[in-house]
C-alpha atoms as a PDB file:
ATOM      1  CA  MET A   1      14.490 -78.471 -38.243  1.00  0.00           C
ATOM      2  CA  ARG A   2      16.350 -75.151 -38.381  1.00  0.00           C
ATOM      3  CA  PHE A   3      17.331 -73.536 -41.682  1.00  0.00           C
ATOM      4  CA  PHE A   4      17.498 -69.968 -40.395  1.00  0.00           C
ATOM      5  CA  SER A   5      21.229 -69.150 -41.109  1.00  0.00           C
ATOM      6  CA  ASP A   6      24.686 -70.642 -41.038  1.00  0.00           C
ATOM      7  CA  ASN A   7      25.327 -68.222 -38.189  1.00  0.00           C
ATOM      8  CA  THR A   8      23.179 -70.524 -35.963  1.00  0.00           C
ATOM      9  CA  ALA A   9      25.623 -73.469 -36.429  1.00  0.00           C
ATOM     10  CA  THR A  10      28.092 -74.815 -33.844  1.00  0.00           C
ATOM     11  CA  ALA A  11      31.842 -74.543 -34.209  1.00  0.00           C
ATOM     12  CA  CYS A  12      33.351 -77.562 -35.911  1.00  0.00           C
ATOM     13  CA  PRO A  13      35.649 -80.061 -34.125  1.00  0.00           C
ATOM     14  CA  GLU A  14      38.829 -78.818 -35.856  1.00  0.00           C
ATOM     15  CA  ILE A  15      38.103 -75.309 -34.571  1.00  0.00           C
ATOM     16  CA  MET A  16      37.454 -76.392 -31.021  1.00  0.00           C
ATOM     17  CA  THR A  17      40.621 -78.532 -31.013  1.00  0.00           C
ATOM     18  CA  ALA A  18      42.609 -75.521 -32.163  1.00  0.00           C
ATOM     19  CA  LEU A  19      41.221 -73.451 -29.379  1.00  0.00           C
ATOM     20  CA  GLN A  20      42.067 -76.083 -26.892  1.00  0.00           C
ATOM     21  CA  GLU A  21      45.625 -76.382 -28.133  1.00  0.00           C
ATOM     22  CA  VAL A  22      46.239 -72.735 -28.020  1.00  0.00           C
ATOM     23  CA  ASN A  23      44.745 -72.330 -24.587  1.00  0.00           C
ATOM     24  CA  HIS A  24      47.868 -72.793 -22.508  1.00  0.00           C
ATOM     25  CA  GLY A  25      50.677 -70.736 -21.182  1.00  0.00           C
ATOM     26  CA  ARG A  26      51.298 -67.092 -21.669  1.00  0.00           C
ATOM     27  CA  ALA A  27      51.487 -65.427 -25.052  1.00  0.00           C
ATOM     28  CA  ARG A  28      52.144 -61.907 -26.326  1.00  0.00           C
ATOM     29  CA  ALA A  29      49.096 -59.715 -26.668  1.00  0.00           C
ATOM     30  CA  TYR A  30      47.674 -57.611 -29.409  1.00  0.00           C
ATOM     31  CA  GLY A  31      48.785 -59.679 -32.288  1.00  0.00           C
ATOM     32  CA  ASP A  32      52.401 -60.321 -31.383  1.00  0.00           C
ATOM     33  CA  ASP A  33      51.788 -63.965 -30.488  1.00  0.00           C
ATOM     34  CA  GLU A  34      53.189 -66.813 -32.699  1.00  0.00           C
ATOM     35  CA  TRP A  35      49.773 -67.751 -34.125  1.00  0.00           C
ATOM     36  CA  THR A  36      48.778 -64.285 -35.333  1.00  0.00           C
ATOM     37  CA  LEU A  37      52.252 -63.752 -36.723  1.00  0.00           C
ATOM     38  CA  ARG A  38      51.725 -66.814 -38.897  1.00  0.00           C
ATOM     39  CA  LEU A  39      48.530 -65.561 -40.485  1.00  0.00           C
ATOM     40  CA  ASP A  40      50.237 -63.598 -43.287  1.00  0.00           C
ATOM     41  CA  GLY A  41      52.166 -66.686 -44.295  1.00  0.00           C
ATOM     42  CA  ALA A  42      49.226 -69.081 -44.087  1.00  0.00           C
ATOM     43  CA  LEU A  43      46.954 -66.802 -46.150  1.00  0.00           C
ATOM     44  CA  SER A  44      49.774 -66.032 -48.587  1.00  0.00           C
ATOM     45  CA  ALA A  45      50.105 -69.789 -49.196  1.00  0.00           C
ATOM     46  CA  HIS A  46      46.384 -70.153 -49.580  1.00  0.00           C
ATOM     47  CA  PHE A  47      46.175 -67.465 -52.179  1.00  0.00           C
ATOM     48  CA  GLY A  48      49.459 -68.010 -53.848  1.00  0.00           C
ATOM     49  CA  THR A  49      50.780 -64.499 -53.437  1.00  0.00           C
ATOM     50  CA  PRO A  50      52.193 -62.388 -50.595  1.00  0.00           C
ATOM     51  CA  VAL A  51      49.389 -60.773 -48.534  1.00  0.00           C
ATOM     52  CA  ARG A  52      48.832 -58.753 -45.403  1.00  0.00           C
ATOM     53  CA  ALA A  53      46.146 -60.244 -43.239  1.00  0.00           C
ATOM     54  CA  PHE A  54      44.438 -58.894 -40.121  1.00  0.00           C
ATOM     55  CA  ALA A  55      42.142 -60.885 -37.795  1.00  0.00           C
ATOM     56  CA  VAL A  56      38.826 -59.505 -36.641  1.00  0.00           C
ATOM     57  CA  THR A  57      35.729 -61.145 -35.104  1.00  0.00           C
ATOM     58  CA  THR A  58      32.887 -60.000 -37.304  1.00  0.00           C
ATOM     59  CA  GLY A  59      32.116 -59.699 -41.002  1.00  0.00           C
ATOM     60  CA  THR A  60      30.767 -56.211 -40.505  1.00  0.00           C
ATOM     61  CA  ALA A  61      34.042 -55.103 -39.003  1.00  0.00           C
ATOM     62  CA  ALA A  62      36.010 -56.753 -41.847  1.00  0.00           C
ATOM     63  CA  ASN A  63      33.888 -55.166 -44.532  1.00  0.00           C
ATOM     64  CA  SER A  64      33.668 -51.679 -43.020  1.00  0.00           C
ATOM     65  CA  LEU A  65      37.307 -51.306 -41.996  1.00  0.00           C
ATOM     66  CA  ALA A  66      38.481 -52.596 -45.379  1.00  0.00           C
ATOM     67  CA  LEU A  67      36.229 -50.138 -47.221  1.00  0.00           C
ATOM     68  CA  ALA A  68      37.423 -47.306 -44.964  1.00  0.00           C
ATOM     69  CA  CYS A  69      40.884 -47.926 -46.293  1.00  0.00           C
ATOM     70  CA  LEU A  70      39.682 -47.745 -49.894  1.00  0.00           C
ATOM     71  CA  SER A  71      37.364 -44.762 -49.733  1.00  0.00           C
ATOM     72  CA  PRO A  72      37.759 -41.225 -48.348  1.00  0.00           C
ATOM     73  CA  PRO A  73      34.848 -39.683 -46.393  1.00  0.00           C
ATOM     74  CA  TYR A  74      33.697 -38.025 -49.594  1.00  0.00           C
ATOM     75  CA  GLY A  75      33.878 -41.274 -51.650  1.00  0.00           C
ATOM     76  CA  ALA A  76      31.212 -43.420 -53.316  1.00  0.00           C
ATOM     77  CA  ILE A  77      31.167 -47.144 -52.862  1.00  0.00           C
ATOM     78  CA  PHE A  78      29.318 -48.980 -55.651  1.00  0.00           C
ATOM     79  CA  ALA A  79      27.526 -52.240 -54.673  1.00  0.00           C
ATOM     80  CA  HIS A  80      24.609 -54.511 -55.385  1.00  0.00           C
ATOM     81  CA  HIS A  81      21.380 -53.275 -53.701  1.00  0.00           C
ATOM     82  CA  GLU A  82      21.144 -56.674 -51.936  1.00  0.00           C
ATOM     83  CA  ALA A  83      24.741 -56.499 -50.605  1.00  0.00           C
ATOM     84  CA  HIS A  84      25.236 -57.109 -46.892  1.00  0.00           C
ATOM     85  CA  ILE A  85      27.012 -53.762 -46.535  1.00  0.00           C
ATOM     86  CA  ALA A  86      23.795 -52.126 -47.853  1.00  0.00           C
ATOM     87  CA  VAL A  87      21.023 -53.937 -45.978  1.00  0.00           C
ATOM     88  CA  ASP A  88      22.576 -55.633 -42.939  1.00  0.00           C
ATOM     89  CA  GLU A  89      25.332 -53.502 -41.497  1.00  0.00           C
ATOM     90  CA  CYS A  90      23.420 -50.516 -39.982  1.00  0.00           C
ATOM     91  CA  GLY A  91      25.424 -47.928 -41.975  1.00  0.00           C
ATOM     92  CA  ALA A  92      28.784 -49.253 -40.733  1.00  0.00           C
ATOM     93  CA  PRO A  93      30.648 -48.576 -44.019  1.00  0.00           C
ATOM     94  CA  GLY A  94      29.665 -44.920 -43.880  1.00  0.00           C
ATOM     95  CA  PHE A  95      30.399 -44.725 -40.189  1.00  0.00           C
ATOM     96  CA  PHE A  96      33.891 -46.221 -40.313  1.00  0.00           C
ATOM     97  CA  SER A  97      34.924 -44.409 -43.475  1.00  0.00           C
ATOM     98  CA  GLY A  98      33.742 -41.072 -41.924  1.00  0.00           C
ATOM     99  CA  GLY A  99      30.938 -40.594 -44.473  1.00  0.00           C
ATOM    100  CA  ALA A 100      31.419 -42.539 -47.675  1.00  0.00           C
ATOM    101  CA  GLN A 101      28.149 -43.077 -49.523  1.00  0.00           C
ATOM    102  CA  LEU A 102      26.891 -46.361 -50.921  1.00  0.00           C
ATOM    103  CA  GLU A 103      25.721 -46.240 -54.578  1.00  0.00           C
ATOM    104  CA  LEU A 104      23.430 -49.217 -54.994  1.00  0.00           C
ATOM    105  CA  LEU A 105      22.892 -51.008 -58.321  1.00  0.00           C
ATOM    106  CA  ALA A 106      20.586 -53.765 -59.589  1.00  0.00           C
ATOM    107  CA  GLY A 107      21.736 -57.054 -60.990  1.00  0.00           C
ATOM    108  CA  ALA A 108      20.161 -60.484 -61.709  1.00  0.00           C
ATOM    109  CA  HIS A 109      20.470 -63.138 -58.985  1.00  0.00           C
ATOM    110  CA  GLY A 110      22.569 -60.837 -56.766  1.00  0.00           C
ATOM    111  CA  ARG A 111      25.392 -60.276 -59.249  1.00  0.00           C
ATOM    112  CA  LEU A 112      26.491 -57.093 -60.811  1.00  0.00           C
ATOM    113  CA  ASP A 113      27.609 -57.014 -64.465  1.00  0.00           C
ATOM    114  CA  ALA A 114      30.112 -54.793 -66.179  1.00  0.00           C
ATOM    115  CA  ALA A 115      27.494 -53.061 -68.364  1.00  0.00           C
ATOM    116  CA  THR A 116      25.521 -51.946 -65.350  1.00  0.00           C
ATOM    117  CA  VAL A 117      28.542 -50.822 -63.370  1.00  0.00           C
ATOM    118  CA  GLY A 118      29.984 -49.106 -66.467  1.00  0.00           C
ATOM    119  CA  ALA A 119      26.760 -47.197 -67.085  1.00  0.00           C
ATOM    120  CA  ALA A 120      26.632 -46.089 -63.415  1.00  0.00           C
ATOM    121  CA  LEU A 121      30.176 -44.842 -63.455  1.00  0.00           C
ATOM    122  CA  ALA A 122      29.667 -43.007 -66.713  1.00  0.00           C
ATOM    123  CA  ALA A 123      26.631 -41.268 -65.325  1.00  0.00           C
ATOM    124  CA  HIS A 124      28.054 -40.445 -61.933  1.00  0.00           C
ATOM    125  CA  PRO A 125      29.051 -36.717 -61.633  1.00  0.00           C
ATOM    126  CA  ARG A 126      32.607 -36.046 -60.645  1.00  0.00           C
ATOM    127  CA  HIS A 127      32.330 -32.347 -59.899  1.00  0.00           C
ATOM    128  CA  LEU A 128      33.072 -30.686 -56.643  1.00  0.00           C
ATOM    129  CA  HIS A 129      29.539 -31.105 -55.347  1.00  0.00           C
ATOM    130  CA  SER A 130      29.332 -34.900 -55.650  1.00  0.00           C
ATOM    131  CA  VAL A 131      30.838 -37.872 -53.733  1.00  0.00           C
ATOM    132  CA  GLN A 132      33.706 -39.231 -55.763  1.00  0.00           C
ATOM    133  CA  PRO A 133      33.800 -42.804 -57.042  1.00  0.00           C
ATOM    134  CA  ALA A 134      36.280 -44.739 -54.865  1.00  0.00           C
ATOM    135  CA  ALA A 135      35.457 -48.397 -54.596  1.00  0.00           C
ATOM    136  CA  LEU A 136      33.447 -51.314 -56.012  1.00  0.00           C
ATOM    137  CA  SER A 137      32.302 -53.884 -53.445  1.00  0.00           C
ATOM    138  CA  LEU A 138      31.362 -57.365 -54.719  1.00  0.00           C
ATOM    139  CA  THR A 139      30.007 -60.281 -52.695  1.00  0.00           C
ATOM    140  CA  GLN A 140      31.237 -63.879 -53.241  1.00  0.00           C
ATOM    141  CA  ALA A 141      29.026 -65.889 -52.833  1.00  0.00           C
ATOM    142  CA  THR A 142      26.294 -63.286 -53.312  1.00  0.00           C
ATOM    143  CA  GLU A 143      23.522 -62.561 -50.884  1.00  0.00           C
ATOM    144  CA  LEU A 144      21.224 -64.595 -53.177  1.00  0.00           C
ATOM    145  CA  GLY A 145      23.412 -67.675 -53.156  1.00  0.00           C
ATOM    146  CA  THR A 146      25.038 -67.307 -56.486  1.00  0.00           C
ATOM    147  CA  ALA A 147      28.737 -67.124 -57.505  1.00  0.00           C
ATOM    148  CA  TYR A 148      30.652 -64.787 -59.794  1.00  0.00           C
ATOM    149  CA  ARG A 149      32.705 -66.685 -62.433  1.00  0.00           C
ATOM    150  CA  PRO A 150      36.374 -65.634 -62.742  1.00  0.00           C
ATOM    151  CA  ALA A 151      35.830 -63.933 -66.127  1.00  0.00           C
ATOM    152  CA  GLU A 152      32.891 -61.942 -64.651  1.00  0.00           C
ATOM    153  CA  LEU A 153      35.078 -60.743 -61.812  1.00  0.00           C
ATOM    154  CA  ALA A 154      37.974 -59.878 -64.088  1.00  0.00           C
ATOM    155  CA  ALA A 155      35.715 -57.705 -66.257  1.00  0.00           C
ATOM    156  CA  LEU A 156      34.321 -55.958 -63.295  1.00  0.00           C
ATOM    157  CA  CYS A 157      37.723 -55.323 -61.685  1.00  0.00           C
ATOM    158  CA  GLU A 158      39.244 -54.185 -64.953  1.00  0.00           C
ATOM    159  CA  LEU A 159      36.354 -51.674 -65.407  1.00  0.00           C
ATOM    160  CA  ALA A 160      36.699 -50.422 -61.779  1.00  0.00           C
ATOM    161  CA  HIS A 161      40.481 -49.982 -62.068  1.00  0.00           C
ATOM    162  CA  HIS A 162      40.073 -48.180 -65.314  1.00  0.00           C
ATOM    163  CA  HIS A 163      37.852 -45.606 -63.600  1.00  0.00           C
ATOM    164  CA  GLY A 164      40.349 -45.334 -60.646  1.00  0.00           C
ATOM    165  CA  LEU A 165      38.277 -47.470 -58.219  1.00  0.00           C
ATOM    166  CA  LYS A 166      39.621 -50.105 -55.907  1.00  0.00           C
ATOM    167  CA  VAL A 167      37.770 -53.434 -55.486  1.00  0.00           C
ATOM    168  CA  HIS A 168      36.653 -54.984 -52.290  1.00  0.00           C
ATOM    169  CA  MET A 169      35.183 -58.432 -51.967  1.00  0.00           C
ATOM    170  CA  ASP A 170      32.848 -59.557 -49.190  1.00  0.00           C
ATOM    171  CA  GLY A 171      33.737 -63.222 -48.778  1.00  0.00           C
ATOM    172  CA  ALA A 172      31.503 -64.194 -45.903  1.00  0.00           C
ATOM    173  CA  ARG A 173      30.706 -67.417 -47.805  1.00  0.00           C
ATOM    174  CA  PHE A 174      33.829 -67.379 -49.928  1.00  0.00           C
ATOM    175  CA  ALA A 175      34.505 -71.129 -49.355  1.00  0.00           C
ATOM    176  CA  ASN A 176      31.079 -71.980 -50.687  1.00  0.00           C
ATOM    177  CA  ALA A 177      31.763 -70.103 -53.851  1.00  0.00           C
ATOM    178  CA  LEU A 178      35.139 -71.836 -54.316  1.00  0.00           C
ATOM    179  CA  ALA A 179      33.563 -75.193 -53.777  1.00  0.00           C
ATOM    180  CA  PHE A 180      30.879 -74.511 -56.418  1.00  0.00           C
ATOM    181  CA  LEU A 181      33.270 -73.042 -58.982  1.00  0.00           C
ATOM    182  CA  GLY A 182      35.941 -75.704 -58.434  1.00  0.00           C
ATOM    183  CA  CYS A 183      38.673 -73.126 -58.802  1.00  0.00           C
ATOM    184  CA  ALA A 184      41.665 -72.067 -56.861  1.00  0.00           C
ATOM    185  CA  PRO A 185      41.335 -69.076 -54.440  1.00  0.00           C
ATOM    186  CA  ASP A 186      43.575 -66.871 -56.473  1.00  0.00           C
ATOM    187  CA  GLU A 187      41.388 -67.209 -59.624  1.00  0.00           C
ATOM    188  CA  VAL A 188      38.586 -65.267 -58.037  1.00  0.00           C
ATOM    189  CA  THR A 189      40.637 -62.760 -56.032  1.00  0.00           C
ATOM    190  CA  TRP A 190      43.863 -61.103 -56.919  1.00  0.00           C
ATOM    191  CA  ARG A 191      44.290 -62.642 -60.347  1.00  0.00           C
ATOM    192  CA  ALA A 192      40.903 -61.317 -61.273  1.00  0.00           C
ATOM    193  CA  GLY A 193      41.845 -57.892 -59.839  1.00  0.00           C
ATOM    194  CA  VAL A 194      40.381 -57.879 -56.303  1.00  0.00           C
ATOM    195  CA  ASP A 195      42.366 -55.527 -54.009  1.00  0.00           C
ATOM    196  CA  VAL A 196      41.011 -56.432 -50.597  1.00  0.00           C
ATOM    197  CA  LEU A 197      39.040 -59.422 -49.366  1.00  0.00           C
ATOM    198  CA  SER A 198      36.872 -59.909 -46.272  1.00  0.00           C
ATOM    199  CA  PHE A 199      37.702 -63.525 -45.581  1.00  0.00           C
ATOM    200  CA  GLY A 200      34.880 -65.261 -43.670  1.00  0.00           C
ATOM    201  CA  ALA A 201      35.185 -68.378 -41.581  1.00  0.00           C
ATOM    202  CA  THR A 202      32.436 -67.909 -38.994  1.00  0.00           C
ATOM    203  CA  LYS A 203      29.636 -69.012 -41.266  1.00  0.00           C
ATOM    204  CA  ASN A 204      31.569 -72.138 -42.290  1.00  0.00           C
ATOM    205  CA  GLY A 205      32.417 -73.700 -38.924  1.00  0.00           C
ATOM    206  CA  ALA A 206      34.547 -71.142 -37.018  1.00  0.00           C
ATOM    207  CA  LEU A 207      33.530 -69.602 -33.696  1.00  0.00           C
ATOM    208  CA  ALA A 208      34.051 -65.828 -34.405  1.00  0.00           C
ATOM    209  CA  ALA A 209      36.867 -65.649 -36.938  1.00  0.00           C
ATOM    210  CA  GLU A 210      37.220 -63.331 -39.928  1.00  0.00           C
ATOM    211  CA  ALA A 211      40.145 -61.744 -41.608  1.00  0.00           C
ATOM    212  CA  VAL A 212      40.843 -58.673 -43.841  1.00  0.00           C
ATOM    213  CA  VAL A 213      43.258 -59.754 -46.609  1.00  0.00           C
ATOM    214  CA  PHE A 214      45.111 -57.100 -48.553  1.00  0.00           C
ATOM    215  CA  PHE A 215      46.615 -58.289 -51.830  1.00  0.00           C
ATOM    216  CA  ASP A 216      48.349 -55.019 -52.330  1.00  0.00           C
ATOM    217  CA  PRO A 217      50.345 -54.127 -49.124  1.00  0.00           C
ATOM    218  CA  ALA A 218      50.407 -50.444 -50.230  1.00  0.00           C
ATOM    219  CA  LEU A 219      46.683 -50.262 -49.567  1.00  0.00           C
ATOM    220  CA  VAL A 220      47.075 -51.223 -45.861  1.00  0.00           C
ATOM    221  CA  ARG A 221      47.936 -47.633 -44.944  1.00  0.00           C
ATOM    222  CA  ASP A 222      46.224 -46.937 -41.678  1.00  0.00           C
ATOM    223  CA  PHE A 223      44.279 -50.169 -41.287  1.00  0.00           C
ATOM    224  CA  GLU A 224      45.932 -51.082 -38.002  1.00  0.00           C
ATOM    225  CA  LEU A 225      45.056 -47.782 -36.488  1.00  0.00           C
ATOM    226  CA  ARG A 226      41.527 -47.867 -37.748  1.00  0.00           C
ATOM    227  CA  ARG A 227      41.119 -51.357 -36.322  1.00  0.00           C
ATOM    228  CA  LYS A 228      42.371 -50.234 -32.920  1.00  0.00           C
ATOM    229  CA  ARG A 229      40.195 -47.129 -32.965  1.00  0.00           C
ATOM    230  CA  ALA A 230      37.127 -49.183 -33.850  1.00  0.00           C
ATOM    231  CA  GLY A 231      37.682 -51.571 -30.892  1.00  0.00           C
ATOM    232  CA  HIS A 232      38.626 -54.545 -33.043  1.00  0.00           C
ATOM    233  CA  LEU A 233      42.241 -55.000 -32.066  1.00  0.00           C
ATOM    234  CA  LEU A 234      41.980 -58.106 -29.869  1.00  0.00           C
ATOM    235  CA  SER A 235      44.216 -58.415 -26.830  1.00  0.00           C
ATOM    236  CA  LYS A 236      44.024 -62.261 -27.111  1.00  0.00           C
ATOM    237  CA  SER A 237      44.140 -62.597 -30.824  1.00  0.00           C
ATOM    238  CA  ARG A 238      45.703 -65.920 -30.679  1.00  0.00           C
ATOM    239  CA  TYR A 239      42.273 -67.453 -30.253  1.00  0.00           C
ATOM    240  CA  VAL A 240      40.988 -66.004 -33.548  1.00  0.00           C
ATOM    241  CA  ALA A 241      44.344 -66.671 -35.404  1.00  0.00           C
ATOM    242  CA  ALA A 242      44.370 -70.273 -34.213  1.00  0.00           C
ATOM    243  CA  GLN A 243      40.944 -70.778 -35.665  1.00  0.00           C
ATOM    244  CA  LEU A 244      41.893 -69.294 -39.024  1.00  0.00           C
ATOM    245  CA  LEU A 245      45.112 -71.363 -39.171  1.00  0.00           C
ATOM    246  CA  ALA A 246      43.170 -74.613 -38.468  1.00  0.00           C
ATOM    247  CA  TYR A 247      40.491 -73.632 -40.921  1.00  0.00           C
ATOM    248  CA  LEU A 248      43.018 -73.237 -43.682  1.00  0.00           C
ATOM    249  CA  GLU A 249      45.650 -75.878 -42.868  1.00  0.00           C
ATOM    250  CA  SER A 250      43.255 -78.723 -42.071  1.00  0.00           C
ATOM    251  CA  GLY A 251      41.156 -78.217 -45.235  1.00  0.00           C
ATOM    252  CA  VAL A 252      37.995 -78.048 -43.195  1.00  0.00           C
ATOM    253  CA  TRP A 253      36.977 -74.896 -45.192  1.00  0.00           C
ATOM    254  CA  ARG A 254      36.592 -77.010 -48.285  1.00  0.00           C
ATOM    255  CA  ARG A 255      35.008 -80.086 -46.610  1.00  0.00           C
ATOM    256  CA  ASN A 256      32.331 -78.020 -44.866  1.00  0.00           C
ATOM    257  CA  ALA A 257      31.559 -75.915 -47.923  1.00  0.00           C
ATOM    258  CA  GLU A 258      31.261 -78.936 -50.201  1.00  0.00           C
ATOM    259  CA  ARG A 259      28.868 -80.630 -47.803  1.00  0.00           C
ATOM    260  CA  THR A 260      26.613 -77.590 -47.379  1.00  0.00           C
ATOM    261  CA  ASN A 261      26.593 -76.971 -51.141  1.00  0.00           C
ATOM    262  CA  ARG A 262      25.675 -80.534 -51.894  1.00  0.00           C
ATOM    263  CA  LEU A 263      22.759 -80.477 -49.410  1.00  0.00           C
ATOM    264  CA  ALA A 264      21.495 -77.190 -50.727  1.00  0.00           C
ATOM    265  CA  GLN A 265      21.485 -78.563 -54.252  1.00  0.00           C
ATOM    266  CA  LEU A 266      19.071 -81.306 -53.033  1.00  0.00           C
ATOM    267  CA  ILE A 267      16.712 -78.648 -51.617  1.00  0.00           C
ATOM    268  CA  GLY A 268      16.925 -76.636 -54.793  1.00  0.00           C
ATOM    269  CA  ALA A 269      15.984 -79.692 -56.905  1.00  0.00           C
ATOM    270  CA  ALA A 270      13.058 -80.445 -54.641  1.00  0.00           C
ATOM    271  CA  ALA A 271      11.824 -76.817 -54.944  1.00  0.00           C
ATOM    272  CA  ALA A 272      11.705 -77.260 -58.700  1.00  0.00           C
ATOM    273  CA  ALA A 273       9.733 -74.503 -60.405  1.00  0.00           C
ATOM    274  CA  ALA A 274       9.411 -72.558 -57.161  1.00  0.00           C
ATOM    275  CA  LEU A 275      13.149 -71.897 -57.018  1.00  0.00           C
ATOM    276  CA  LEU A 276      13.947 -68.156 -57.358  1.00  0.00           C
ATOM    277  CA  HIS A 277      17.707 -68.202 -58.001  1.00  0.00           C
ATOM    278  CA  PRO A 278      20.307 -70.791 -59.092  1.00  0.00           C
ATOM    279  CA  VAL A 279      21.739 -72.718 -56.121  1.00  0.00           C
ATOM    280  CA  GLU A 280      25.427 -72.112 -56.273  1.00  0.00           C
ATOM    281  CA  ALA A 281      26.307 -72.045 -52.551  1.00  0.00           C
ATOM    282  CA  ASN A 282      24.484 -73.042 -49.382  1.00  0.00           C
ATOM    283  CA  GLU A 283      21.447 -70.785 -49.627  1.00  0.00           C
ATOM    284  CA  VAL A 284      18.159 -71.635 -51.359  1.00  0.00           C
ATOM    285  CA  PHE A 285      15.430 -69.107 -52.190  1.00  0.00           C
ATOM    286  CA  VAL A 286      11.963 -70.424 -52.842  1.00  0.00           C
ATOM    287  CA  ARG A 287       8.605 -68.775 -53.742  1.00  0.00           C
ATOM    288  CA  LEU A 288       6.164 -70.551 -51.431  1.00  0.00           C
ATOM    289  CA  GLY A 289       3.239 -68.202 -50.798  1.00  0.00           C
ATOM    290  CA  ALA A 290       1.902 -67.460 -47.334  1.00  0.00           C
ATOM    291  CA  ALA A 291      -0.055 -70.660 -46.958  1.00  0.00           C
ATOM    292  CA  ARG A 292       2.785 -72.985 -47.874  1.00  0.00           C
ATOM    293  CA  ARG A 293       5.221 -71.104 -45.613  1.00  0.00           C
ATOM    294  CA  GLN A 294       2.793 -71.618 -42.667  1.00  0.00           C
ATOM    295  CA  ALA A 295       2.310 -75.248 -43.541  1.00  0.00           C
ATOM    296  CA  LEU A 296       6.080 -75.783 -43.523  1.00  0.00           C
ATOM    297  CA  ARG A 297       6.460 -74.056 -40.173  1.00  0.00           C
ATOM    298  CA  SER A 298       3.557 -76.165 -38.758  1.00  0.00           C
ATOM    299  CA  SER A 299       5.594 -79.179 -39.811  1.00  0.00           C
ATOM    300  CA  GLY A 300       8.573 -78.065 -37.698  1.00  0.00           C
ATOM    301  CA  PHE A 301      10.719 -76.260 -40.302  1.00  0.00           C
ATOM    302  CA  GLU A 302      12.321 -72.941 -39.260  1.00  0.00           C
ATOM    303  CA  PHE A 303      13.501 -70.425 -41.882  1.00  0.00           C
ATOM    304  CA  TYR A 304      13.445 -66.725 -42.726  1.00  0.00           C
ATOM    305  CA  ASP A 305      10.842 -65.063 -44.853  1.00  0.00           C
ATOM    306  CA  TRP A 306      12.546 -63.102 -47.655  1.00  0.00           C
ATOM    307  CA  GLY A 307      11.482 -59.864 -49.337  1.00  0.00           C
ATOM    308  CA  PRO A 308       8.075 -58.396 -49.382  1.00  0.00           C
ATOM    309  CA  GLU A 309       5.481 -60.197 -47.320  1.00  0.00           C
ATOM    310  CA  ALA A 310       3.102 -60.315 -50.192  1.00  0.00           C
ATOM    311  CA  ALA A 311       5.550 -62.246 -52.387  1.00  0.00           C
ATOM    312  CA  GLY A 312       5.624 -65.285 -49.993  1.00  0.00           C
ATOM    313  CA  ASP A 313       9.292 -65.953 -50.552  1.00  0.00           C
ATOM    314  CA  ALA A 314      11.528 -67.884 -48.151  1.00  0.00           C
ATOM    315  CA  ARG A 315      15.225 -68.486 -47.613  1.00  0.00           C
ATOM    316  CA  PHE A 316      16.691 -71.772 -46.474  1.00  0.00           C
ATOM    317  CA  VAL A 317      20.339 -71.920 -45.425  1.00  0.00           C
ATOM    318  CA  VAL A 318      22.260 -75.162 -44.898  1.00  0.00           C
ATOM    319  CA  SER A 319      24.823 -75.093 -42.141  1.00  0.00           C
ATOM    320  CA  TRP A 320      27.998 -77.205 -41.924  1.00  0.00           C
ATOM    321  CA  ASP A 321      26.496 -79.313 -39.106  1.00  0.00           C
ATOM    322  CA  GLN A 322      22.929 -79.615 -40.614  1.00  0.00           C
ATOM    323  CA  PRO A 323      21.551 -83.094 -39.965  1.00  0.00           C
ATOM    324  CA  GLU A 324      20.999 -84.813 -43.340  1.00  0.00           C
ATOM    325  CA  GLN A 325      17.690 -86.068 -42.134  1.00  0.00           C
ATOM    326  CA  ASP A 326      16.427 -82.477 -41.818  1.00  0.00           C
ATOM    327  CA  VAL A 327      17.425 -81.810 -45.393  1.00  0.00           C
ATOM    328  CA  HIS A 328      15.707 -84.952 -46.638  1.00  0.00           C
ATOM    329  CA  ALA A 329      12.571 -84.061 -44.692  1.00  0.00           C
ATOM    330  CA  LEU A 330      12.520 -80.590 -46.202  1.00  0.00           C
ATOM    331  CA  CYS A 331      13.034 -82.006 -49.686  1.00  0.00           C
ATOM    332  CA  ALA A 332      10.102 -84.355 -49.190  1.00  0.00           C
ATOM    333  CA  ALA A 333       7.883 -81.501 -47.905  1.00  0.00           C
ATOM    334  CA  LEU A 334       8.840 -79.259 -50.881  1.00  0.00           C
ATOM    335  CA  SER A 335       8.383 -81.986 -53.398  1.00  0.00           C
ATOM    336  CA  SER A 336       4.971 -83.054 -52.035  1.00  0.00           C
ATOM    337  CA  ARG A 337       3.811 -79.442 -52.529  1.00  0.00           C
ATOM    338  CA  ALA A 338       5.479 -78.875 -55.839  1.00  0.00           C
ATOM    339  CA  GLY A 339       2.534 -80.153 -57.736  1.00  0.00           C
ATOM    340  CA  SER A 340      -0.190 -78.850 -55.387  1.00  0.00           C
END
């Protein structure tokens, strides 16, 4: 019963059908095929505003190449200390930007607030000897499974823009955040002030399909050249584009996210007082202790430890194809230990 990560899941049927349908005949290479050329229009319709969109295959590429367009080599990128760009991307933002530095901030349940960011910007030196504030990167849903509300995002974006920073959003689990918030995609992106979004589909049923979405075409600048130089311009991009089109146009993004969120809520309720963070997406963080972690593993559950070993914390992630019986079994195991 595997709750390691949504990266372990299969590709959903709609994605596989799209790949089969696109796998015929000859098509222009390097993004000049009919499917890739439809991406701008499909994502513009999804967000309710004209966008420029670029397909890539990994979230790290999406984040790093997007940030490289927002920050010069001498720039500072402000982010939560739990952000994926800080702890899971092997220094890629600095590498692809040519040297930009991450300035990491604390925030409850994985979220930054305007007061913390404002204080950090006010305290950050802007003289010749310091990296210059360039971008704010926010994660939606966050690395701790919580979601920023539209008003929170608007306050953060307004603050960043006031100080001359651009705003990037890591949307690896963007669909889960939308499903929880019950809002339209535009409310937590460009209407709130987000400039660039890393739009994730892989964790929610795609095979290897991500997109960088620019809400301000003027910011695109040299993205296409950076993508080529980084080795992420795909010769057969129709296979990624077809996935993204099916993901959007079939509505599978919402169906999968609503299901995983619903099942995660069941696990969170079973964890009761051991729950570490509100369950607002498809991740559940629980304080178990070493003995309870081992007992769960001995019962056949697979999951990642989280944080310091001594804390005894664990993370459970529900995937789009998670068998419901696995979730019910985990809930029963957590509930039976809740009072022990």
